[in-house]
Amino acid sequence: FDVYEGKNLPEGKKSYAISFTLQDSAKTLTDEQIDKIMGKIRQNLEKETGAQLR
């Protein structure tokens, strides 16, 4: 939902702000389930795009 380039970032780098909606139609997700899903998303973004968490 946002892209930033400029001050406080190395030249040629961009900072992206993204959001996710996680839901299960049958039950409430636990913190543990959400953490596991977010970990997989982070790993895939790092592997596929070279993204780094700031």
PDB file of N, CA and C in Angstrom:
ATOM      1  N   PHE A   1       0.796  -1.199   0.000  1.00  0.00           N
ATOM      2  CA  PHE A   1       0.000   0.000   0.000  1.00  0.00           C
ATOM      3  C   PHE A   1       0.842   1.267   0.000  1.00  0.00           C
ATOM      4  N   ASP A   2       2.190   1.121   0.101  1.00  0.00           N
ATOM      5  CA  ASP A   2       3.037   2.305   0.081  1.00  0.00           C
ATOM      6  C   ASP A   2       4.434   1.939  -0.410  1.00  0.00           C
ATOM      7  N   VAL A   3       5.065   2.851  -1.138  1.00  0.00           N
ATOM      8  CA  VAL A   3       6.442   2.682  -1.598  1.00  0.00           C
ATOM      9  C   VAL A   3       7.202   3.945  -1.221  1.00  0.00           C
ATOM     10  N   TYR A   4       8.396   3.768  -0.619  1.00  0.00           N
ATOM     11  CA  TYR A   4       9.220   4.905  -0.233  1.00  0.00           C
ATOM     12  C   TYR A   4      10.600   4.749  -0.840  1.00  0.00           C
ATOM     13  N   GLU A   5      11.113   5.836  -1.404  1.00  0.00           N
ATOM     14  CA  GLU A   5      12.483   5.915  -1.897  1.00  0.00           C
ATOM     15  C   GLU A   5      13.051   7.230  -1.387  1.00  0.00           C
ATOM     16  N   GLY A   6      14.303   7.205  -0.976  1.00  0.00           N
ATOM     17  CA  GLY A   6      14.905   8.472  -0.589  1.00  0.00           C
ATOM     18  C   GLY A   6      15.737   8.390   0.664  1.00  0.00           C
ATOM     19  N   LYS A   7      15.681   9.470   1.423  1.00  0.00           N
ATOM     20  CA  LYS A   7      16.478   9.645   2.631  1.00  0.00           C
ATOM     21  C   LYS A   7      16.364   8.422   3.553  1.00  0.00           C
ATOM     22  N   ASN A   8      17.494   8.037   4.132  1.00  0.00           N
ATOM     23  CA  ASN A   8      17.605   6.912   5.075  1.00  0.00           C
ATOM     24  C   ASN A   8      17.554   5.531   4.418  1.00  0.00           C
ATOM     25  N   LEU A   9      17.540   5.482   3.094  1.00  0.00           N
ATOM     26  CA  LEU A   9      17.615   4.210   2.378  1.00  0.00           C
ATOM     27  C   LEU A   9      18.847   4.224   1.480  1.00  0.00           C
ATOM     28  N   PRO A  10      19.512   3.083   1.336  1.00  0.00           N
ATOM     29  CA  PRO A  10      20.643   3.027   0.406  1.00  0.00           C
ATOM     30  C   PRO A  10      20.178   3.350  -1.018  1.00  0.00           C
ATOM     31  N   GLU A  11      21.078   3.910  -1.804  1.00  0.00           N
ATOM     32  CA  GLU A  11      20.746   4.264  -3.175  1.00  0.00           C
ATOM     33  C   GLU A  11      20.284   3.028  -3.947  1.00  0.00           C
ATOM     34  N   GLY A  12      19.224   3.194  -4.711  1.00  0.00           N
ATOM     35  CA  GLY A  12      18.687   2.102  -5.510  1.00  0.00           C
ATOM     36  C   GLY A  12      17.741   1.183  -4.761  1.00  0.00           C
ATOM     37  N   LYS A  13      17.520   1.445  -3.477  1.00  0.00           N
ATOM     38  CA  LYS A  13      16.623   0.609  -2.672  1.00  0.00           C
ATOM     39  C   LYS A  13      15.270   1.293  -2.514  1.00  0.00           C
ATOM     40  N   LYS A  14      14.250   0.488  -2.346  1.00  0.00           N
ATOM     41  CA  LYS A  14      12.894   0.977  -2.090  1.00  0.00           C
ATOM     42  C   LYS A  14      12.365   0.278  -0.852  1.00  0.00           C
ATOM     43  N   SER A  15      11.499   0.959  -0.138  1.00  0.00           N
ATOM     44  CA  SER A  15      10.842   0.378   1.025  1.00  0.00           C
ATOM     45  C   SER A  15       9.355   0.241   0.707  1.00  0.00           C
ATOM     46  N   TYR A  16       8.867  -0.983   0.786  1.00  0.00           N
ATOM     47  CA  TYR A  16       7.455  -1.252   0.510  1.00  0.00           C
ATOM     48  C   TYR A  16       6.729  -1.570   1.808  1.00  0.00           C
ATOM     49  N   ALA A  17       5.566  -0.989   1.998  1.00  0.00           N
ATOM     50  CA  ALA A  17       4.685  -1.356   3.098  1.00  0.00           C
ATOM     51  C   ALA A  17       3.562  -2.192   2.476  1.00  0.00           C
ATOM     52  N   ILE A  18       3.365  -3.385   3.004  1.00  0.00           N
ATOM     53  CA  ILE A  18       2.324  -4.269   2.469  1.00  0.00           C
ATOM     54  C   ILE A  18       1.465  -4.784   3.623  1.00  0.00           C
ATOM     55  N   SER A  19       0.265  -5.160   3.311  1.00  0.00           N
ATOM     56  CA  SER A  19      -0.620  -5.709   4.344  1.00  0.00           C
ATOM     57  C   SER A  19      -1.212  -7.029   3.857  1.00  0.00           C
ATOM     58  N   PHE A  20      -1.587  -7.839   4.805  1.00  0.00           N
ATOM     59  CA  PHE A  20      -2.191  -9.138   4.529  1.00  0.00           C
ATOM     60  C   PHE A  20      -3.445  -9.294   5.376  1.00  0.00           C
ATOM     61  N   THR A  21      -4.435  -9.960   4.827  1.00  0.00           N
ATOM     62  CA  THR A  21      -5.619 -10.337   5.583  1.00  0.00           C
ATOM     63  C   THR A  21      -5.613 -11.851   5.678  1.00  0.00           C
ATOM     64  N   LEU A  22      -5.508 -12.351   6.891  1.00  0.00           N
ATOM     65  CA  LEU A  22      -5.488 -13.796   7.128  1.00  0.00           C
ATOM     66  C   LEU A  22      -6.780 -14.174   7.836  1.00  0.00           C
ATOM     67  N   GLN A  23      -7.462 -15.169   7.303  1.00  0.00           N
ATOM     68  CA  GLN A  23      -8.696 -15.589   7.946  1.00  0.00           C
ATOM     69  C   GLN A  23      -8.995 -17.041   7.632  1.00  0.00           C
ATOM     70  N   ASP A  24      -9.734 -17.645   8.523  1.00  0.00           N
ATOM     71  CA  ASP A  24     -10.228 -19.005   8.367  1.00  0.00           C
ATOM     72  C   ASP A  24     -11.743 -18.911   8.511  1.00  0.00           C
ATOM     73  N   SER A  25     -12.475 -19.442   7.558  1.00  0.00           N
ATOM     74  CA  SER A  25     -13.940 -19.313   7.584  1.00  0.00           C
ATOM     75  C   SER A  25     -14.584 -20.144   8.688  1.00  0.00           C
ATOM     76  N   ALA A  26     -13.829 -21.078   9.279  1.00  0.00           N
ATOM     77  CA  ALA A  26     -14.415 -21.968  10.284  1.00  0.00           C
ATOM     78  C   ALA A  26     -14.039 -21.618  11.720  1.00  0.00           C
ATOM     79  N   LYS A  27     -12.909 -20.893  11.911  1.00  0.00           N
ATOM     80  CA  LYS A  27     -12.466 -20.633  13.280  1.00  0.00           C
ATOM     81  C   LYS A  27     -11.559 -19.414  13.340  1.00  0.00           C
ATOM     82  N   THR A  28     -11.309 -18.956  14.555  1.00  0.00           N
ATOM     83  CA  THR A  28     -10.381 -17.862  14.778  1.00  0.00           C
ATOM     84  C   THR A  28      -8.955 -18.401  14.730  1.00  0.00           C
ATOM     85  N   LEU A  29      -8.081 -17.703  14.009  1.00  0.00           N
ATOM     86  CA  LEU A  29      -6.686 -18.112  13.937  1.00  0.00           C
ATOM     87  C   LEU A  29      -5.972 -17.759  15.241  1.00  0.00           C
ATOM     88  N   THR A  30      -5.067 -18.628  15.651  1.00  0.00           N
ATOM     89  CA  THR A  30      -4.274 -18.360  16.854  1.00  0.00           C
ATOM     90  C   THR A  30      -3.035 -17.542  16.474  1.00  0.00           C
ATOM     91  N   ASP A  31      -2.411 -16.926  17.472  1.00  0.00           N
ATOM     92  CA  ASP A  31      -1.170 -16.189  17.228  1.00  0.00           C
ATOM     93  C   ASP A  31      -0.115 -17.111  16.628  1.00  0.00           C
ATOM     94  N   GLU A  32      -0.056 -18.339  17.106  1.00  0.00           N
ATOM     95  CA  GLU A  32       0.924 -19.303  16.605  1.00  0.00           C
ATOM     96  C   GLU A  32       0.701 -19.587  15.120  1.00  0.00           C
ATOM     97  N   GLN A  33      -0.543 -19.772  14.711  1.00  0.00           N
ATOM     98  CA  GLN A  33      -0.849 -20.023  13.301  1.00  0.00           C
ATOM     99  C   GLN A  33      -0.472 -18.822  12.438  1.00  0.00           C
ATOM    100  N   ILE A  34      -0.795 -17.630  12.912  1.00  0.00           N
ATOM    101  CA  ILE A  34      -0.489 -16.416  12.163  1.00  0.00           C
ATOM    102  C   ILE A  34       1.019 -16.232  12.045  1.00  0.00           C
ATOM    103  N   ASP A  35       1.751 -16.450  13.138  1.00  0.00           N
ATOM    104  CA  ASP A  35       3.213 -16.329  13.100  1.00  0.00           C
ATOM    105  C   ASP A  35       3.828 -17.303  12.092  1.00  0.00           C
ATOM    106  N   LYS A  36       3.306 -18.514  12.040  1.00  0.00           N
ATOM    107  CA  LYS A  36       3.812 -19.520  11.105  1.00  0.00           C
ATOM    108  C   LYS A  36       3.547 -19.086   9.660  1.00  0.00           C
ATOM    109  N   ILE A  37       2.361 -18.603   9.384  1.00  0.00           N
ATOM    110  CA  ILE A  37       2.003 -18.154   8.040  1.00  0.00           C
ATOM    111  C   ILE A  37       2.863 -16.962   7.635  1.00  0.00           C
ATOM    112  N   MET A  38       3.007 -15.990   8.537  1.00  0.00           N
ATOM    113  CA  MET A  38       3.806 -14.802   8.229  1.00  0.00           C
ATOM    114  C   MET A  38       5.277 -15.168   8.016  1.00  0.00           C
ATOM    115  N   GLY A  39       5.769 -16.151   8.747  1.00  0.00           N
ATOM    116  CA  GLY A  39       7.138 -16.624   8.550  1.00  0.00           C
ATOM    117  C   GLY A  39       7.328 -17.199   7.158  1.00  0.00           C
ATOM    118  N   LYS A  40       6.350 -17.966   6.696  1.00  0.00           N
ATOM    119  CA  LYS A  40       6.422 -18.544   5.348  1.00  0.00           C
ATOM    120  C   LYS A  40       6.359 -17.453   4.286  1.00  0.00           C
ATOM    121  N   ILE A  41       5.501 -16.462   4.493  1.00  0.00           N
ATOM    122  CA  ILE A  41       5.410 -15.347   3.547  1.00  0.00           C
ATOM    123  C   ILE A  41       6.745 -14.613   3.485  1.00  0.00           C
ATOM    124  N   ARG A  42       7.319 -14.337   4.642  1.00  0.00           N
ATOM    125  CA  ARG A  42       8.611 -13.634   4.705  1.00  0.00           C
ATOM    126  C   ARG A  42       9.705 -14.438   3.991  1.00  0.00           C
ATOM    127  N   GLN A  43       9.783 -15.740   4.271  1.00  0.00           N
ATOM    128  CA  GLN A  43      10.791 -16.585   3.618  1.00  0.00           C
ATOM    129  C   GLN A  43      10.635 -16.566   2.106  1.00  0.00           C
ATOM    130  N   ASN A  44       9.404 -16.663   1.634  1.00  0.00           N
ATOM    131  CA  ASN A  44       9.164 -16.664   0.194  1.00  0.00           C
ATOM    132  C   ASN A  44       9.520 -15.322  -0.441  1.00  0.00           C
ATOM    133  N   LEU A  45       9.198 -14.217   0.223  1.00  0.00           N
ATOM    134  CA  LEU A  45       9.558 -12.903  -0.308  1.00  0.00           C
ATOM    135  C   LEU A  45      11.078 -12.742  -0.371  1.00  0.00           C
ATOM    136  N   GLU A  46      11.781 -13.205   0.663  1.00  0.00           N
ATOM    137  CA  GLU A  46      13.238 -13.132   0.668  1.00  0.00           C
ATOM    138  C   GLU A  46      13.833 -13.974  -0.458  1.00  0.00           C
ATOM    139  N   LYS A  47      13.315 -15.190  -0.615  1.00  0.00           N
ATOM    140  CA  LYS A  47      13.835 -16.125  -1.616  1.00  0.00           C
ATOM    141  C   LYS A  47      13.517 -15.668  -3.044  1.00  0.00           C
ATOM    142  N   GLU A  48      12.283 -15.264  -3.274  1.00  0.00           N
ATOM    143  CA  GLU A  48      11.825 -14.945  -4.627  1.00  0.00           C
ATOM    144  C   GLU A  48      12.217 -13.551  -5.096  1.00  0.00           C
ATOM    145  N   THR A  49      12.333 -12.591  -4.166  1.00  0.00           N
ATOM    146  CA  THR A  49      12.566 -11.203  -4.599  1.00  0.00           C
ATOM    147  C   THR A  49      13.814 -10.577  -3.988  1.00  0.00           C
ATOM    148  N   GLY A  50      14.423 -11.248  -3.006  1.00  0.00           N
ATOM    149  CA  GLY A  50      15.572 -10.663  -2.324  1.00  0.00           C
ATOM    150  C   GLY A  50      15.162  -9.618  -1.292  1.00  0.00           C
ATOM    151  N   ALA A  51      13.892  -9.593  -0.945  1.00  0.00           N
ATOM    152  CA  ALA A  51      13.384  -8.614   0.030  1.00  0.00           C
ATOM    153  C   ALA A  51      14.062  -8.808   1.385  1.00  0.00           C
ATOM    154  N   GLN A  52      14.185  -7.707   2.127  1.00  0.00           N
ATOM    155  CA  GLN A  52      14.752  -7.727   3.470  1.00  0.00           C
ATOM    156  C   GLN A  52      13.801  -7.007   4.403  1.00  0.00           C
ATOM    157  N   LEU A  53      13.547  -7.572   5.571  1.00  0.00           N
ATOM    158  CA  LEU A  53      12.708  -6.923   6.565  1.00  0.00           C
ATOM    159  C   LEU A  53      13.491  -5.809   7.223  1.00  0.00           C
ATOM    160  N   ARG A  54      12.914  -4.609   7.291  1.00  0.00           N
ATOM    161  CA  ARG A  54      13.577  -3.474   7.932  1.00  0.00           C
ATOM    162  C   ARG A  54      13.110  -3.341   9.354  1.00  0.00           C
TER     163      ARG A  54
END
